[in-house]
Amino acid sequence: MNIFGKRINLRAIEPADLPSFKLWANDPEIQRLLGGFQFPTSDADHRSWLESLNCSSLNQRFAIESESCVLIGSANLVSIDWKNRTAFHGMMLTESARGKGYGMDTIMGLMRFAFDELGLEHLDTDIIEYNEASLQTYTERCGWEVQGVKPNWYFREGRRWNKIIVGISANEYRAHAASLGYWENKKF
């Protein structure tokens, strides 16, 4: 089963994707925009990681393909909590895919899947404060709200940066999607 936006397809990560994932994991320009601490990774690291993924896990990861079937990034729903119906969402787009609406479409498609297919009630994510493009996409384009700030959370480039926590509920998503007519319109 694939998860579709209007312009993207979220699918299982395949062994043929691993060279791209390794390249992205070792790209400092991509990694500086993501949370967590990164170490250089090898082919063996990525093979082991892929082998650990399974569809029964509480951590689901997807490859993002553009409408022309080009691999442009990854998205996830992790720390799925079925009792409270919540999950954490993350996304990474390649530099060449940014600023073209793929981020918004990925988030909208993943929200529709999480809320309307899985029955989740709330999603959240966190963003390093200098990643203004991500913050704008989530809050201004996709309807998420800032729900908190953890001061001085990240250490990057020789200084401390805030972690901005954003989230959205199923009802907020549905209202936002309806206000945009997102799923009725063919193109943005």
N, C-alpha and C. Protein backbone atom coordinates (compact mmCIF):
# COMPACT_ATOMS: atom_id res chain seq x y z
N MET A 1 0.84 -1.18 0.00
CA MET A 1 0.00 0.00 0.00
C MET A 1 0.88 1.24 0.00
N ASN A 2 0.57 2.18 -0.84
CA ASN A 2 1.27 3.46 -0.87
C ASN A 2 0.38 4.54 -0.30
N ILE A 3 0.98 5.62 0.10
CA ILE A 3 0.26 6.77 0.63
C ILE A 3 0.47 7.90 -0.37
N PHE A 4 -0.63 8.47 -0.84
CA PHE A 4 -0.52 9.48 -1.89
C PHE A 4 -0.91 10.86 -1.40
N GLY A 5 -0.16 11.84 -1.83
CA GLY A 5 -0.56 13.23 -1.76
C GLY A 5 -1.11 13.57 -3.14
N LYS A 6 -1.08 14.84 -3.47
CA LYS A 6 -1.49 15.24 -4.81
C LYS A 6 -0.34 15.12 -5.80
N ARG A 7 0.89 15.26 -5.29
CA ARG A 7 2.07 15.24 -6.17
C ARG A 7 3.12 14.24 -5.73
N ILE A 8 2.95 13.63 -4.58
CA ILE A 8 3.96 12.70 -4.06
C ILE A 8 3.34 11.34 -3.77
N ASN A 9 4.22 10.38 -3.64
CA ASN A 9 3.87 9.02 -3.26
C ASN A 9 4.80 8.63 -2.12
N LEU A 10 4.24 8.20 -1.01
CA LEU A 10 5.02 7.66 0.10
C LEU A 10 4.94 6.15 0.00
N ARG A 11 6.09 5.52 -0.06
CA ARG A 11 6.15 4.07 -0.23
C ARG A 11 7.19 3.49 0.72
N ALA A 12 7.22 2.17 0.78
CA ALA A 12 8.23 1.49 1.59
C ALA A 12 9.63 1.81 1.06
N ILE A 13 10.59 1.83 1.95
CA ILE A 13 11.98 2.03 1.57
C ILE A 13 12.54 0.70 1.08
N GLU A 14 13.17 0.71 -0.08
CA GLU A 14 13.69 -0.50 -0.71
C GLU A 14 15.22 -0.49 -0.71
N PRO A 15 15.84 -1.66 -0.86
CA PRO A 15 17.31 -1.72 -0.92
C PRO A 15 17.92 -0.80 -1.99
N ALA A 16 17.24 -0.61 -3.09
CA ALA A 16 17.77 0.26 -4.15
C ALA A 16 17.83 1.72 -3.72
N ASP A 17 17.11 2.08 -2.64
CA ASP A 17 17.11 3.45 -2.13
C ASP A 17 18.32 3.74 -1.24
N LEU A 18 18.99 2.70 -0.77
CA LEU A 18 20.03 2.89 0.23
C LEU A 18 21.18 3.80 -0.20
N PRO A 19 21.65 3.77 -1.44
CA PRO A 19 22.70 4.73 -1.81
C PRO A 19 22.27 6.19 -1.60
N SER A 20 21.02 6.51 -1.92
CA SER A 20 20.53 7.87 -1.70
C SER A 20 20.43 8.18 -0.22
N PHE A 21 19.92 7.24 0.56
CA PHE A 21 19.79 7.46 2.00
C PHE A 21 21.17 7.66 2.64
N LYS A 22 22.16 6.88 2.19
CA LYS A 22 23.52 7.04 2.73
C LYS A 22 24.07 8.41 2.36
N LEU A 23 23.87 8.83 1.12
CA LEU A 23 24.33 10.15 0.68
C LEU A 23 23.71 11.25 1.53
N TRP A 24 22.41 11.18 1.76
CA TRP A 24 21.71 12.20 2.57
C TRP A 24 22.17 12.17 4.02
N ALA A 25 22.35 10.97 4.57
CA ALA A 25 22.77 10.85 5.97
C ALA A 25 24.17 11.43 6.19
N ASN A 26 24.97 11.47 5.15
CA ASN A 26 26.34 11.98 5.27
C ASN A 26 26.50 13.38 4.70
N ASP A 27 25.40 14.02 4.34
CA ASP A 27 25.44 15.37 3.77
C ASP A 27 25.24 16.38 4.90
N PRO A 28 26.27 17.15 5.26
CA PRO A 28 26.14 18.08 6.39
C PRO A 28 25.09 19.17 6.16
N GLU A 29 24.84 19.56 4.93
CA GLU A 29 23.83 20.59 4.67
C GLU A 29 22.42 20.08 4.95
N ILE A 30 22.18 18.82 4.66
CA ILE A 30 20.88 18.22 4.98
C ILE A 30 20.78 17.99 6.48
N GLN A 31 21.81 17.42 7.07
CA GLN A 31 21.77 17.04 8.48
C GLN A 31 21.68 18.24 9.42
N ARG A 32 22.20 19.39 9.03
CA ARG A 32 22.14 20.56 9.91
C ARG A 32 20.70 21.05 10.12
N LEU A 33 19.80 20.63 9.22
CA LEU A 33 18.40 21.03 9.33
C LEU A 33 17.57 20.05 10.15
N LEU A 34 18.15 18.93 10.52
CA LEU A 34 17.42 17.88 11.23
C LEU A 34 17.83 17.82 12.69
N GLY A 35 16.94 17.29 13.52
CA GLY A 35 17.25 17.12 14.93
C GLY A 35 18.17 15.92 15.14
N GLY A 36 18.61 15.76 16.35
CA GLY A 36 19.46 14.63 16.69
C GLY A 36 20.90 14.86 16.30
N PHE A 37 21.74 13.97 16.74
CA PHE A 37 23.16 14.07 16.46
C PHE A 37 23.49 13.05 15.38
N GLN A 38 24.26 13.45 14.41
CA GLN A 38 24.58 12.57 13.31
C GLN A 38 26.06 12.19 13.33
N PHE A 39 26.29 10.93 12.99
CA PHE A 39 27.63 10.41 12.81
C PHE A 39 27.75 9.94 11.37
N PRO A 40 28.94 9.88 10.83
CA PRO A 40 29.10 9.31 9.49
C PRO A 40 28.54 7.88 9.47
N THR A 41 27.87 7.53 8.37
CA THR A 41 27.26 6.20 8.28
C THR A 41 27.79 5.47 7.04
N SER A 42 27.83 4.15 7.13
CA SER A 42 28.38 3.30 6.09
C SER A 42 27.27 2.54 5.36
N ASP A 43 27.66 1.83 4.30
CA ASP A 43 26.72 0.95 3.61
C ASP A 43 26.16 -0.09 4.57
N ALA A 44 27.04 -0.65 5.39
CA ALA A 44 26.60 -1.68 6.35
C ALA A 44 25.60 -1.10 7.35
N ASP A 45 25.83 0.14 7.80
CA ASP A 45 24.88 0.79 8.71
C ASP A 45 23.49 0.86 8.08
N HIS A 46 23.46 1.24 6.81
CA HIS A 46 22.18 1.42 6.14
C HIS A 46 21.49 0.09 5.83
N ARG A 47 22.26 -0.91 5.48
CA ARG A 47 21.66 -2.24 5.27
C ARG A 47 21.05 -2.75 6.57
N SER A 48 21.78 -2.60 7.68
CA SER A 48 21.28 -3.03 8.99
C SER A 48 20.02 -2.27 9.36
N TRP A 49 20.03 -0.95 9.13
CA TRP A 49 18.85 -0.12 9.42
C TRP A 49 17.66 -0.59 8.61
N LEU A 50 17.83 -0.82 7.31
CA LEU A 50 16.72 -1.26 6.46
C LEU A 50 16.17 -2.61 6.93
N GLU A 51 17.06 -3.51 7.31
CA GLU A 51 16.62 -4.82 7.79
C GLU A 51 15.81 -4.73 9.08
N SER A 52 16.01 -3.66 9.83
CA SER A 52 15.28 -3.50 11.10
C SER A 52 13.86 -2.96 10.89
N LEU A 53 13.58 -2.43 9.71
CA LEU A 53 12.25 -1.86 9.45
C LEU A 53 11.25 -2.98 9.19
N ASN A 54 10.06 -2.84 9.75
CA ASN A 54 8.99 -3.79 9.44
C ASN A 54 7.65 -3.10 9.63
N CYS A 55 6.63 -3.66 8.98
CA CYS A 55 5.32 -2.99 8.97
C CYS A 55 4.56 -3.13 10.28
N SER A 56 5.04 -3.93 11.22
CA SER A 56 4.34 -4.03 12.50
C SER A 56 4.97 -3.13 13.56
N SER A 57 5.99 -2.41 13.19
CA SER A 57 6.70 -1.56 14.13
C SER A 57 5.90 -0.31 14.49
N LEU A 58 6.21 0.24 15.63
CA LEU A 58 5.61 1.51 16.04
C LEU A 58 6.36 2.69 15.44
N ASN A 59 7.32 2.40 14.58
CA ASN A 59 8.10 3.41 13.88
C ASN A 59 8.05 3.10 12.39
N GLN A 60 7.31 3.89 11.65
CA GLN A 60 7.14 3.67 10.21
C GLN A 60 7.88 4.73 9.43
N ARG A 61 8.69 4.29 8.46
CA ARG A 61 9.48 5.21 7.65
C ARG A 61 9.16 4.97 6.18
N PHE A 62 9.14 6.07 5.41
CA PHE A 62 8.72 6.01 4.02
C PHE A 62 9.69 6.76 3.12
N ALA A 63 9.81 6.29 1.90
CA ALA A 63 10.51 7.03 0.85
C ALA A 63 9.50 7.98 0.22
N ILE A 64 9.93 9.19 -0.11
CA ILE A 64 9.08 10.15 -0.81
C ILE A 64 9.48 10.16 -2.28
N GLU A 65 8.52 9.88 -3.16
CA GLU A 65 8.74 9.98 -4.59
C GLU A 65 7.92 11.13 -5.15
N SER A 66 8.51 11.87 -6.09
CA SER A 66 7.79 12.93 -6.79
C SER A 66 6.83 12.29 -7.80
N GLU A 67 6.02 13.13 -8.44
CA GLU A 67 5.07 12.63 -9.42
C GLU A 67 5.77 11.96 -10.60
N SER A 68 7.05 12.25 -10.82
CA SER A 68 7.81 11.60 -11.89
C SER A 68 8.60 10.39 -11.37
N CYS A 69 8.24 9.89 -10.19
CA CYS A 69 8.84 8.70 -9.57
C CYS A 69 10.31 8.87 -9.22
N VAL A 70 10.72 10.10 -8.94
CA VAL A 70 12.09 10.38 -8.50
C VAL A 70 12.10 10.41 -6.97
N LEU A 71 13.06 9.72 -6.37
CA LEU A 71 13.21 9.70 -4.92
C LEU A 71 13.71 11.07 -4.46
N ILE A 72 12.92 11.74 -3.61
CA ILE A 72 13.26 13.11 -3.20
C ILE A 72 13.40 13.29 -1.70
N GLY A 73 13.23 12.23 -0.92
CA GLY A 73 13.37 12.38 0.51
C GLY A 73 12.75 11.23 1.29
N SER A 74 12.55 11.48 2.57
CA SER A 74 11.96 10.48 3.45
C SER A 74 11.02 11.16 4.44
N ALA A 75 10.06 10.39 4.91
CA ALA A 75 9.10 10.87 5.91
C ALA A 75 8.85 9.73 6.88
N ASN A 76 8.32 10.07 8.05
CA ASN A 76 8.05 9.02 9.01
C ASN A 76 6.89 9.36 9.92
N LEU A 77 6.38 8.33 10.53
CA LEU A 77 5.50 8.38 11.69
C LEU A 77 6.16 7.46 12.70
N VAL A 78 6.69 8.02 13.77
CA VAL A 78 7.41 7.22 14.76
C VAL A 78 6.84 7.46 16.14
N SER A 79 7.25 6.60 17.06
CA SER A 79 6.72 6.64 18.43
C SER A 79 5.19 6.63 18.41
N ILE A 80 4.65 5.77 17.54
CA ILE A 80 3.19 5.65 17.46
C ILE A 80 2.68 5.09 18.78
N ASP A 81 1.74 5.80 19.38
CA ASP A 81 1.14 5.42 20.66
C ASP A 81 -0.33 5.11 20.39
N TRP A 82 -0.65 3.81 20.25
CA TRP A 82 -2.02 3.43 19.88
C TRP A 82 -3.02 3.71 21.01
N LYS A 83 -2.58 3.66 22.24
CA LYS A 83 -3.50 3.94 23.36
C LYS A 83 -3.96 5.39 23.33
N ASN A 84 -3.02 6.31 23.18
CA ASN A 84 -3.36 7.74 23.16
C ASN A 84 -3.58 8.29 21.77
N ARG A 85 -3.31 7.45 20.75
CA ARG A 85 -3.53 7.80 19.33
C ARG A 85 -2.70 9.01 18.91
N THR A 86 -1.41 8.97 19.21
CA THR A 86 -0.50 10.05 18.86
C THR A 86 0.73 9.47 18.16
N ALA A 87 1.45 10.35 17.48
CA ALA A 87 2.71 9.95 16.85
C ALA A 87 3.56 11.19 16.59
N PHE A 88 4.84 10.94 16.37
CA PHE A 88 5.78 11.99 16.00
C PHE A 88 6.02 11.85 14.50
N HIS A 89 6.07 12.96 13.82
CA HIS A 89 6.29 12.97 12.37
C HIS A 89 7.59 13.68 12.05
N GLY A 90 8.32 13.17 11.10
CA GLY A 90 9.52 13.82 10.62
C GLY A 90 9.60 13.71 9.11
N MET A 91 10.37 14.61 8.51
CA MET A 91 10.50 14.63 7.06
C MET A 91 11.86 15.20 6.68
N MET A 92 12.39 14.71 5.57
CA MET A 92 13.63 15.24 5.01
C MET A 92 13.44 15.29 3.50
N LEU A 93 13.69 16.46 2.93
CA LEU A 93 13.65 16.62 1.47
C LEU A 93 15.04 16.98 0.97
N THR A 94 15.37 16.48 -0.22
CA THR A 94 16.63 16.86 -0.83
C THR A 94 16.57 18.34 -1.20
N GLU A 95 17.73 18.95 -1.31
CA GLU A 95 17.79 20.37 -1.64
C GLU A 95 17.08 20.67 -2.96
N SER A 96 17.20 19.80 -3.94
CA SER A 96 16.58 20.04 -5.25
C SER A 96 15.05 19.96 -5.20
N ALA A 97 14.50 19.34 -4.15
CA ALA A 97 13.04 19.21 -4.04
C ALA A 97 12.41 20.32 -3.20
N ARG A 98 13.22 21.11 -2.52
CA ARG A 98 12.69 22.14 -1.63
C ARG A 98 12.14 23.33 -2.41
N GLY A 99 11.11 23.95 -1.82
CA GLY A 99 10.52 25.15 -2.42
C GLY A 99 9.62 24.87 -3.60
N LYS A 100 9.20 23.62 -3.77
CA LYS A 100 8.38 23.24 -4.92
C LYS A 100 7.02 22.68 -4.52
N GLY A 101 6.68 22.77 -3.23
CA GLY A 101 5.40 22.26 -2.76
C GLY A 101 5.40 20.80 -2.34
N TYR A 102 6.53 20.11 -2.49
CA TYR A 102 6.57 18.70 -2.10
C TYR A 102 6.48 18.53 -0.59
N GLY A 103 7.06 19.46 0.17
CA GLY A 103 6.98 19.36 1.63
C GLY A 103 5.55 19.46 2.10
N MET A 104 4.84 20.47 1.61
CA MET A 104 3.43 20.62 1.99
C MET A 104 2.63 19.39 1.60
N ASP A 105 2.83 18.90 0.40
CA ASP A 105 2.05 17.75 -0.06
C ASP A 105 2.38 16.50 0.75
N THR A 106 3.65 16.33 1.11
CA THR A 106 4.02 15.20 1.95
C THR A 106 3.33 15.28 3.30
N ILE A 107 3.38 16.45 3.92
CA ILE A 107 2.75 16.62 5.24
C ILE A 107 1.24 16.41 5.14
N MET A 108 0.61 16.99 4.13
CA MET A 108 -0.84 16.83 3.98
C MET A 108 -1.21 15.37 3.74
N GLY A 109 -0.46 14.69 2.88
CA GLY A 109 -0.74 13.28 2.62
C GLY A 109 -0.53 12.40 3.83
N LEU A 110 0.54 12.68 4.58
CA LEU A 110 0.81 11.90 5.79
C LEU A 110 -0.24 12.16 6.86
N MET A 111 -0.69 13.42 6.98
CA MET A 111 -1.75 13.71 7.95
C MET A 111 -3.03 12.98 7.57
N ARG A 112 -3.39 13.01 6.29
CA ARG A 112 -4.62 12.33 5.87
C ARG A 112 -4.52 10.84 6.22
N PHE A 113 -3.38 10.22 5.96
CA PHE A 113 -3.19 8.82 6.30
C PHE A 113 -3.26 8.60 7.81
N ALA A 114 -2.53 9.40 8.57
CA ALA A 114 -2.48 9.22 10.03
C ALA A 114 -3.84 9.41 10.68
N PHE A 115 -4.56 10.45 10.25
CA PHE A 115 -5.83 10.77 10.90
C PHE A 115 -7.02 9.99 10.33
N ASP A 116 -7.07 9.86 9.01
CA ASP A 116 -8.26 9.26 8.39
C ASP A 116 -8.13 7.75 8.16
N GLU A 117 -6.91 7.22 8.11
CA GLU A 117 -6.75 5.78 7.92
C GLU A 117 -6.34 5.07 9.22
N LEU A 118 -5.39 5.66 9.94
CA LEU A 118 -4.91 5.02 11.17
C LEU A 118 -5.73 5.40 12.40
N GLY A 119 -6.51 6.47 12.30
CA GLY A 119 -7.32 6.90 13.43
C GLY A 119 -6.54 7.61 14.53
N LEU A 120 -5.37 8.14 14.19
CA LEU A 120 -4.62 8.89 15.19
C LEU A 120 -5.33 10.21 15.49
N GLU A 121 -5.04 10.78 16.64
CA GLU A 121 -5.70 12.02 17.07
C GLU A 121 -4.76 13.22 17.06
N HIS A 122 -3.46 12.99 17.22
CA HIS A 122 -2.53 14.14 17.30
C HIS A 122 -1.16 13.74 16.73
N LEU A 123 -0.56 14.67 15.99
CA LEU A 123 0.81 14.53 15.51
C LEU A 123 1.62 15.70 16.01
N ASP A 124 2.89 15.44 16.27
CA ASP A 124 3.79 16.56 16.56
C ASP A 124 5.13 16.31 15.91
N THR A 125 5.91 17.37 15.85
CA THR A 125 7.27 17.31 15.38
C THR A 125 8.04 18.42 16.05
N ASP A 126 9.35 18.42 15.87
CA ASP A 126 10.13 19.53 16.38
C ASP A 126 11.08 20.02 15.29
N ILE A 127 11.40 21.29 15.38
CA ILE A 127 12.16 21.97 14.34
C ILE A 127 13.24 22.82 15.01
N ILE A 128 14.46 22.74 14.50
CA ILE A 128 15.52 23.59 15.00
C ILE A 128 15.22 25.03 14.56
N GLU A 129 15.40 25.98 15.44
CA GLU A 129 14.89 27.33 15.23
C GLU A 129 15.36 28.00 13.94
N TYR A 130 16.53 27.70 13.44
CA TYR A 130 16.98 28.37 12.23
C TYR A 130 16.42 27.74 10.95
N ASN A 131 15.69 26.63 11.07
CA ASN A 131 15.07 26.01 9.89
C ASN A 131 13.73 26.69 9.63
N GLU A 132 13.81 27.93 9.21
CA GLU A 132 12.61 28.75 9.00
C GLU A 132 11.71 28.22 7.91
N ALA A 133 12.27 27.61 6.87
CA ALA A 133 11.45 27.07 5.80
C ALA A 133 10.53 25.96 6.31
N SER A 134 11.07 25.07 7.15
CA SER A 134 10.24 23.99 7.71
C SER A 134 9.17 24.56 8.63
N LEU A 135 9.57 25.48 9.49
CA LEU A 135 8.60 26.08 10.41
C LEU A 135 7.46 26.74 9.63
N GLN A 136 7.79 27.45 8.59
CA GLN A 136 6.77 28.11 7.77
C GLN A 136 5.87 27.09 7.07
N THR A 137 6.46 26.03 6.54
CA THR A 137 5.65 25.02 5.86
C THR A 137 4.65 24.39 6.82
N TYR A 138 5.13 23.99 7.99
CA TYR A 138 4.23 23.35 8.95
C TYR A 138 3.16 24.31 9.46
N THR A 139 3.56 25.49 9.87
CA THR A 139 2.60 26.38 10.55
C THR A 139 1.75 27.20 9.58
N GLU A 140 2.35 27.77 8.56
CA GLU A 140 1.60 28.66 7.67
C GLU A 140 0.89 27.92 6.55
N ARG A 141 1.47 26.83 6.09
CA ARG A 141 0.88 26.14 4.95
C ARG A 141 0.08 24.90 5.34
N CYS A 142 0.46 24.24 6.44
CA CYS A 142 -0.17 22.97 6.80
C CYS A 142 -1.03 23.03 8.05
N GLY A 143 -1.12 24.19 8.71
CA GLY A 143 -2.05 24.35 9.82
C GLY A 143 -1.56 23.91 11.19
N TRP A 144 -0.29 23.53 11.33
CA TRP A 144 0.22 23.14 12.63
C TRP A 144 0.42 24.38 13.49
N GLU A 145 0.42 24.20 14.80
CA GLU A 145 0.61 25.31 15.73
C GLU A 145 1.83 25.08 16.59
N VAL A 146 2.52 26.17 16.91
CA VAL A 146 3.64 26.08 17.85
C VAL A 146 3.05 25.73 19.21
N GLN A 147 3.54 24.67 19.82
CA GLN A 147 3.01 24.21 21.10
C GLN A 147 4.02 24.29 22.22
N GLY A 148 5.22 24.74 21.88
CA GLY A 148 6.22 24.91 22.92
C GLY A 148 7.60 25.16 22.34
N VAL A 149 8.49 25.62 23.21
CA VAL A 149 9.87 25.86 22.83
C VAL A 149 10.75 25.31 23.95
N LYS A 150 11.75 24.53 23.57
CA LYS A 150 12.75 24.06 24.52
C LYS A 150 14.01 24.89 24.25
N PRO A 151 14.31 25.81 25.15
CA PRO A 151 15.45 26.72 24.92
C PRO A 151 16.78 25.97 24.90
N ASN A 152 17.64 26.43 24.03
CA ASN A 152 19.03 25.96 23.97
C ASN A 152 19.14 24.44 23.87
N TRP A 153 18.26 23.81 23.14
CA TRP A 153 18.19 22.35 23.05
C TRP A 153 19.30 21.76 22.18
N TYR A 154 19.52 22.37 21.01
CA TYR A 154 20.49 21.85 20.04
C TYR A 154 21.80 22.61 20.13
N PHE A 155 22.89 21.88 19.89
CA PHE A 155 24.20 22.52 19.75
C PHE A 155 24.65 22.30 18.32
N ARG A 156 24.71 23.40 17.57
CA ARG A 156 25.12 23.37 16.17
C ARG A 156 25.98 24.59 15.90
N GLU A 157 26.99 24.41 15.07
CA GLU A 157 27.78 25.54 14.58
C GLU A 157 28.35 26.38 15.73
N GLY A 158 28.72 25.71 16.82
CA GLY A 158 29.37 26.38 17.93
C GLY A 158 28.47 27.16 18.86
N ARG A 159 27.15 26.98 18.75
CA ARG A 159 26.25 27.68 19.67
C ARG A 159 24.97 26.88 19.91
N ARG A 160 24.15 27.35 20.83
CA ARG A 160 22.90 26.69 21.22
C ARG A 160 21.74 27.26 20.42
N TRP A 161 20.79 26.38 20.10
CA TRP A 161 19.60 26.77 19.34
C TRP A 161 18.36 26.16 20.00
N ASN A 162 17.24 26.83 19.90
CA ASN A 162 15.98 26.35 20.46
C ASN A 162 15.37 25.24 19.62
N LYS A 163 14.65 24.35 20.31
CA LYS A 163 13.81 23.35 19.66
C LYS A 163 12.39 23.89 19.68
N ILE A 164 11.77 24.02 18.53
CA ILE A 164 10.40 24.50 18.43
C ILE A 164 9.50 23.28 18.19
N ILE A 165 8.55 23.10 19.07
CA ILE A 165 7.64 21.96 19.00
C ILE A 165 6.34 22.43 18.36
N VAL A 166 5.93 21.74 17.29
CA VAL A 166 4.68 22.07 16.61
C VAL A 166 3.82 20.82 16.56
N GLY A 167 2.51 21.02 16.52
CA GLY A 167 1.60 19.89 16.48
C GLY A 167 0.28 20.25 15.85
N ILE A 168 -0.50 19.21 15.60
CA ILE A 168 -1.82 19.38 15.00
C ILE A 168 -2.71 18.20 15.42
N SER A 169 -3.99 18.48 15.62
CA SER A 169 -4.96 17.42 15.94
C SER A 169 -5.69 17.01 14.66
N ALA A 170 -6.38 15.90 14.74
CA ALA A 170 -7.16 15.43 13.60
C ALA A 170 -8.19 16.46 13.18
N ASN A 171 -8.91 17.05 14.13
CA ASN A 171 -9.92 18.05 13.79
C ASN A 171 -9.31 19.30 13.19
N GLU A 172 -8.15 19.72 13.71
CA GLU A 172 -7.47 20.89 13.14
C GLU A 172 -7.03 20.60 11.70
N TYR A 173 -6.52 19.40 11.47
CA TYR A 173 -6.13 19.01 10.11
C TYR A 173 -7.33 19.07 9.17
N ARG A 174 -8.44 18.44 9.57
CA ARG A 174 -9.62 18.39 8.69
C ARG A 174 -10.15 19.79 8.38
N ALA A 175 -10.18 20.66 9.39
CA ALA A 175 -10.63 22.04 9.17
C ALA A 175 -9.68 22.77 8.23
N HIS A 176 -8.38 22.57 8.41
CA HIS A 176 -7.40 23.25 7.56
C HIS A 176 -7.49 22.74 6.12
N ALA A 177 -7.54 21.43 5.94
CA ALA A 177 -7.64 20.86 4.59
C ALA A 177 -8.90 21.34 3.89
N ALA A 178 -10.02 21.41 4.64
CA ALA A 178 -11.28 21.90 4.05
C ALA A 178 -11.19 23.37 3.69
N SER A 179 -10.55 24.17 4.56
CA SER A 179 -10.45 25.61 4.27
C SER A 179 -9.61 25.88 3.03
N LEU A 180 -8.63 25.01 2.77
CA LEU A 180 -7.82 25.14 1.56
C LEU A 180 -8.48 24.49 0.35
N GLY A 181 -9.46 23.63 0.61
CA GLY A 181 -9.99 22.79 -0.47
C GLY A 181 -8.89 21.90 -1.02
N TYR A 182 -7.99 21.50 -0.11
CA TYR A 182 -6.75 20.84 -0.54
C TYR A 182 -7.00 19.60 -1.39
N TRP A 183 -7.87 18.75 -0.96
CA TRP A 183 -8.05 17.49 -1.68
C TRP A 183 -9.01 17.63 -2.85
N GLU A 184 -9.69 18.78 -2.97
CA GLU A 184 -10.57 19.00 -4.12
C GLU A 184 -9.82 19.61 -5.29
N ASN A 185 -8.83 20.47 -5.00
CA ASN A 185 -8.08 21.14 -6.05
C ASN A 185 -7.04 20.21 -6.64
N LYS A 186 -6.80 20.34 -7.92
CA LYS A 186 -5.83 19.47 -8.57
C LYS A 186 -4.40 19.96 -8.37
N LYS A 187 -4.18 21.26 -8.27
CA LYS A 187 -2.82 21.75 -8.20
C LYS A 187 -2.76 23.04 -7.38
N PHE A 188 -1.63 23.21 -6.69
CA PHE A 188 -1.42 24.45 -5.93
C PHE A 188 -0.35 25.27 -6.58
